[in-house]
Amino acid sequence: MPPAKPAAEQVEATLAADDVSISAEAVRQLQRAAELEQQQAATLKALGEDAELAARLAHEMAYRREVVVVPAKAYGDLAASRFAGGSSPAINAAGIARAQSELEQSRLARIALYEFEKAKGTPPAEIYNRLLALEAARPAGYSIALAT
């Protein structure tokens, strides 16, 4: 008779105690990700139940303007600064302009998708979901903020 497998809880506790070390910041990021996921699920449920809300949010997402955000610390030394461990392009006037141009291209793509789907008669909640998918496909880069 083969030995009994340990319960999943025991395996997880063993792994957590012996093999994994998570920083407090990583725990906070995981918690924020879980909260965001819950919020998105609640939003999607609400959009499925309220077509008017779905239409408004889809329109807002499609037409929102974004701007490049340069951290104050990095702004003081634009020539030498880099984002996240040097993996992104240097923060300089040309890089900022390029990033802003990419954000505008992304906005135009969202508007085109929104108007195309709206003209086809796609339900607003589905348009919103397609806009979310388009945004998720956008490569990571400069931090952005919504322009009001």
C-alpha atoms as a PDB file:
ATOM      1  CA  MET A   1       0.000   0.000   0.000  1.00  0.00           C
ATOM      2  CA  PRO A   2       1.521   3.399  -1.035  1.00  0.00           C
ATOM      3  CA  PRO A   3       2.108   5.959   1.683  1.00  0.00           C
ATOM      4  CA  ALA A   4      -0.684   8.472   2.249  1.00  0.00           C
ATOM      5  CA  LYS A   5      -0.168  11.842   0.621  1.00  0.00           C
ATOM      6  CA  PRO A   6      -0.035  14.778   3.005  1.00  0.00           C
ATOM      7  CA  ALA A   7      -2.988  17.134   3.009  1.00  0.00           C
ATOM      8  CA  ALA A   8      -2.666  20.172   0.746  1.00  0.00           C
ATOM      9  CA  GLU A   9      -2.583  22.418   3.785  1.00  0.00           C
ATOM     10  CA  GLN A  10       0.400  20.568   5.196  1.00  0.00           C
ATOM     11  CA  VAL A  11       2.297  20.798   1.902  1.00  0.00           C
ATOM     12  CA  GLU A  12       1.598  24.529   1.635  1.00  0.00           C
ATOM     13  CA  ALA A  13       2.622  25.105   5.261  1.00  0.00           C
ATOM     14  CA  THR A  14       5.837  23.161   4.705  1.00  0.00           C
ATOM     15  CA  LEU A  15       6.638  25.093   1.529  1.00  0.00           C
ATOM     16  CA  ALA A  16       5.787  28.394   3.139  1.00  0.00           C
ATOM     17  CA  ALA A  17       7.890  27.673   6.180  1.00  0.00           C
ATOM     18  CA  ASP A  18      10.871  26.045   4.483  1.00  0.00           C
ATOM     19  CA  ASP A  19      11.220  27.166   0.875  1.00  0.00           C
ATOM     20  CA  VAL A  20       9.590  30.548   0.369  1.00  0.00           C
ATOM     21  CA  SER A  21      10.521  33.955   1.617  1.00  0.00           C
ATOM     22  CA  ILE A  22       8.248  36.865   0.729  1.00  0.00           C
ATOM     23  CA  SER A  23       8.992  40.457   1.546  1.00  0.00           C
ATOM     24  CA  ALA A  24       6.397  42.656   3.188  1.00  0.00           C
ATOM     25  CA  GLU A  25       6.185  44.697  -0.026  1.00  0.00           C
ATOM     26  CA  ALA A  26       5.494  41.548  -2.063  1.00  0.00           C
ATOM     27  CA  VAL A  27       2.726  40.594   0.366  1.00  0.00           C
ATOM     28  CA  ARG A  28       1.213  44.090  -0.008  1.00  0.00           C
ATOM     29  CA  GLN A  29       1.391  43.810  -3.801  1.00  0.00           C
ATOM     30  CA  LEU A  30      -0.322  40.422  -3.718  1.00  0.00           C
ATOM     31  CA  GLN A  31      -3.029  41.815  -1.450  1.00  0.00           C
ATOM     32  CA  ARG A  32      -3.545  44.803  -3.780  1.00  0.00           C
ATOM     33  CA  ALA A  33      -3.751  42.456  -6.770  1.00  0.00           C
ATOM     34  CA  ALA A  34      -6.356  40.310  -4.991  1.00  0.00           C
ATOM     35  CA  GLU A  35      -8.372  43.405  -4.040  1.00  0.00           C
ATOM     36  CA  LEU A  36      -8.200  44.703  -7.608  1.00  0.00           C
ATOM     37  CA  GLU A  37      -9.358  41.350  -8.926  1.00  0.00           C
ATOM     38  CA  GLN A  38     -12.328  41.399  -6.536  1.00  0.00           C
ATOM     39  CA  GLN A  39     -13.191  44.965  -7.563  1.00  0.00           C
ATOM     40  CA  GLN A  40     -13.007  44.048 -11.244  1.00  0.00           C
ATOM     41  CA  ALA A  41     -15.268  41.041 -10.701  1.00  0.00           C
ATOM     42  CA  ALA A  42     -17.796  43.234  -8.883  1.00  0.00           C
ATOM     43  CA  THR A  43     -17.614  45.854 -11.639  1.00  0.00           C
ATOM     44  CA  LEU A  44     -18.138  43.259 -14.359  1.00  0.00           C
ATOM     45  CA  LYS A  45     -21.132  41.869 -12.487  1.00  0.00           C
ATOM     46  CA  ALA A  46     -22.614  45.354 -12.122  1.00  0.00           C
ATOM     47  CA  LEU A  47     -22.030  46.077 -15.812  1.00  0.00           C
ATOM     48  CA  GLY A  48     -23.830  42.883 -16.771  1.00  0.00           C
ATOM     49  CA  GLU A  49     -26.832  44.048 -14.760  1.00  0.00           C
ATOM     50  CA  ASP A  50     -26.835  47.733 -15.808  1.00  0.00           C
ATOM     51  CA  ALA A  51     -26.457  48.490 -19.524  1.00  0.00           C
ATOM     52  CA  GLU A  52     -26.460  52.257 -18.923  1.00  0.00           C
ATOM     53  CA  LEU A  53     -23.542  51.982 -16.493  1.00  0.00           C
ATOM     54  CA  ALA A  54     -21.704  49.689 -18.926  1.00  0.00           C
ATOM     55  CA  ALA A  55     -22.197  52.180 -21.761  1.00  0.00           C
ATOM     56  CA  ARG A  56     -20.907  55.074 -19.656  1.00  0.00           C
ATOM     57  CA  LEU A  57     -17.835  53.200 -18.394  1.00  0.00           C
ATOM     58  CA  ALA A  58     -16.974  51.854 -21.857  1.00  0.00           C
ATOM     59  CA  HIS A  59     -17.159  55.377 -23.295  1.00  0.00           C
ATOM     60  CA  GLU A  60     -15.030  56.790 -20.473  1.00  0.00           C
ATOM     61  CA  MET A  61     -12.414  54.075 -20.898  1.00  0.00           C
ATOM     62  CA  ALA A  62     -12.242  54.544 -24.663  1.00  0.00           C
ATOM     63  CA  TYR A  63     -11.906  58.328 -24.598  1.00  0.00           C
ATOM     64  CA  ARG A  64      -9.845  58.905 -21.448  1.00  0.00           C
ATOM     65  CA  ARG A  65      -6.596  60.778 -21.829  1.00  0.00           C
ATOM     66  CA  GLU A  66      -3.425  59.579 -20.142  1.00  0.00           C
ATOM     67  CA  VAL A  67      -0.207  61.386 -19.377  1.00  0.00           C
ATOM     68  CA  VAL A  68       3.283  60.165 -18.632  1.00  0.00           C
ATOM     69  CA  VAL A  69       4.244  60.340 -14.964  1.00  0.00           C
ATOM     70  CA  VAL A  70       7.893  60.806 -14.120  1.00  0.00           C
ATOM     71  CA  PRO A  71       8.774  60.239 -10.463  1.00  0.00           C
ATOM     72  CA  ALA A  72      10.098  63.417  -8.823  1.00  0.00           C
ATOM     73  CA  LYS A  73      13.323  61.669  -7.854  1.00  0.00           C
ATOM     74  CA  ALA A  74      13.975  60.640 -11.464  1.00  0.00           C
ATOM     75  CA  TYR A  75      12.947  64.030 -12.844  1.00  0.00           C
ATOM     76  CA  GLY A  76      15.829  65.678 -11.022  1.00  0.00           C
ATOM     77  CA  ASP A  77      18.337  63.698 -13.081  1.00  0.00           C
ATOM     78  CA  LEU A  78      16.617  62.988 -16.388  1.00  0.00           C
ATOM     79  CA  ALA A  79      19.814  62.097 -18.216  1.00  0.00           C
ATOM     80  CA  ALA A  80      20.773  59.214 -15.908  1.00  0.00           C
ATOM     81  CA  SER A  81      17.458  58.055 -14.457  1.00  0.00           C
ATOM     82  CA  ARG A  82      15.774  54.780 -15.299  1.00  0.00           C
ATOM     83  CA  PHE A  83      12.617  53.033 -14.170  1.00  0.00           C
ATOM     84  CA  ALA A  84      12.490  49.759 -12.225  1.00  0.00           C
ATOM     85  CA  GLY A  85      16.069  48.635 -12.052  1.00  0.00           C
ATOM     86  CA  GLY A  86      17.074  50.012 -15.421  1.00  0.00           C
ATOM     87  CA  SER A  87      14.774  47.809 -17.491  1.00  0.00           C
ATOM     88  CA  SER A  88      12.913  50.697 -19.112  1.00  0.00           C
ATOM     89  CA  PRO A  89      14.365  53.329 -21.387  1.00  0.00           C
ATOM     90  CA  ALA A  90      16.139  56.262 -19.827  1.00  0.00           C
ATOM     91  CA  ILE A  91      13.874  59.067 -18.703  1.00  0.00           C
ATOM     92  CA  ASN A  92      14.739  61.993 -20.920  1.00  0.00           C
ATOM     93  CA  ALA A  93      12.792  64.460 -23.022  1.00  0.00           C
ATOM     94  CA  ALA A  94      12.798  62.182 -26.080  1.00  0.00           C
ATOM     95  CA  GLY A  95      11.763  59.139 -24.035  1.00  0.00           C
ATOM     96  CA  ILE A  96       8.944  61.038 -22.369  1.00  0.00           C
ATOM     97  CA  ALA A  97       7.705  62.347 -25.726  1.00  0.00           C
ATOM     98  CA  ARG A  98       7.860  58.823 -27.189  1.00  0.00           C
ATOM     99  CA  ALA A  99       5.924  57.407 -24.227  1.00  0.00           C
ATOM    100  CA  GLN A 100       3.298  60.158 -24.515  1.00  0.00           C
ATOM    101  CA  SER A 101       2.943  59.401 -28.217  1.00  0.00           C
ATOM    102  CA  GLU A 102       2.467  55.700 -27.425  1.00  0.00           C
ATOM    103  CA  LEU A 103      -0.229  56.587 -24.896  1.00  0.00           C
ATOM    104  CA  GLU A 104      -2.032  58.660 -27.511  1.00  0.00           C
ATOM    105  CA  GLN A 105      -1.799  55.793 -30.021  1.00  0.00           C
ATOM    106  CA  SER A 106      -3.277  53.502 -27.375  1.00  0.00           C
ATOM    107  CA  ARG A 107      -6.110  55.981 -26.833  1.00  0.00           C
ATOM    108  CA  LEU A 108      -6.822  56.118 -30.568  1.00  0.00           C
ATOM    109  CA  ALA A 109      -6.902  52.303 -30.700  1.00  0.00           C
ATOM    110  CA  ARG A 110      -9.397  52.248 -27.793  1.00  0.00           C
ATOM    111  CA  ILE A 111     -11.598  54.824 -29.533  1.00  0.00           C
ATOM    112  CA  ALA A 112     -11.502  52.883 -32.806  1.00  0.00           C
ATOM    113  CA  LEU A 113     -12.442  49.642 -31.055  1.00  0.00           C
ATOM    114  CA  TYR A 114     -15.215  51.364 -29.081  1.00  0.00           C
ATOM    115  CA  GLU A 115     -16.745  53.059 -32.138  1.00  0.00           C
ATOM    116  CA  PHE A 116     -16.476  49.894 -34.259  1.00  0.00           C
ATOM    117  CA  GLU A 117     -18.143  47.701 -31.643  1.00  0.00           C
ATOM    118  CA  LYS A 118     -20.794  50.327 -30.902  1.00  0.00           C
ATOM    119  CA  ALA A 119     -21.632  50.592 -34.629  1.00  0.00           C
ATOM    120  CA  LYS A 120     -21.989  46.789 -34.805  1.00  0.00           C
ATOM    121  CA  GLY A 121     -24.475  46.901 -31.922  1.00  0.00           C
ATOM    122  CA  THR A 122     -22.245  45.043 -29.470  1.00  0.00           C
ATOM    123  CA  PRO A 123     -23.692  45.200 -25.937  1.00  0.00           C
ATOM    124  CA  PRO A 124     -21.941  47.836 -23.781  1.00  0.00           C
ATOM    125  CA  ALA A 125     -20.699  45.321 -21.204  1.00  0.00           C
ATOM    126  CA  GLU A 126     -19.024  43.318 -23.975  1.00  0.00           C
ATOM    127  CA  ILE A 127     -17.433  46.488 -25.377  1.00  0.00           C
ATOM    128  CA  TYR A 128     -16.079  47.247 -21.910  1.00  0.00           C
ATOM    129  CA  ASN A 129     -14.621  43.728 -21.674  1.00  0.00           C
ATOM    130  CA  ARG A 130     -12.945  44.118 -25.078  1.00  0.00           C
ATOM    131  CA  LEU A 131     -11.468  47.449 -24.037  1.00  0.00           C
ATOM    132  CA  LEU A 132     -10.107  45.806 -20.868  1.00  0.00           C
ATOM    133  CA  ALA A 133      -8.507  43.077 -22.985  1.00  0.00           C
ATOM    134  CA  LEU A 134      -6.951  45.687 -25.267  1.00  0.00           C
ATOM    135  CA  GLU A 135      -5.507  47.517 -22.263  1.00  0.00           C
ATOM    136  CA  ALA A 136      -4.162  44.288 -20.768  1.00  0.00           C
ATOM    137  CA  ALA A 137      -2.265  43.638 -24.006  1.00  0.00           C
ATOM    138  CA  ARG A 138      -0.468  46.992 -23.799  1.00  0.00           C
ATOM    139  CA  PRO A 139       3.188  46.553 -22.840  1.00  0.00           C
ATOM    140  CA  ALA A 140       4.351  47.821 -19.490  1.00  0.00           C
ATOM    141  CA  GLY A 141       6.385  50.984 -19.589  1.00  0.00           C
ATOM    142  CA  TYR A 142       6.172  54.396 -18.121  1.00  0.00           C
ATOM    143  CA  SER A 143       3.758  54.937 -15.285  1.00  0.00           C
ATOM    144  CA  ILE A 144       0.606  56.707 -16.416  1.00  0.00           C
ATOM    145  CA  ALA A 145      -2.028  58.866 -14.835  1.00  0.00           C
ATOM    146  CA  LEU A 146      -5.443  59.873 -16.041  1.00  0.00           C
ATOM    147  CA  ALA A 147      -5.635  63.443 -17.228  1.00  0.00           C
ATOM    148  CA  THR A 148      -8.679  65.266 -15.950  1.00  0.00           C
END
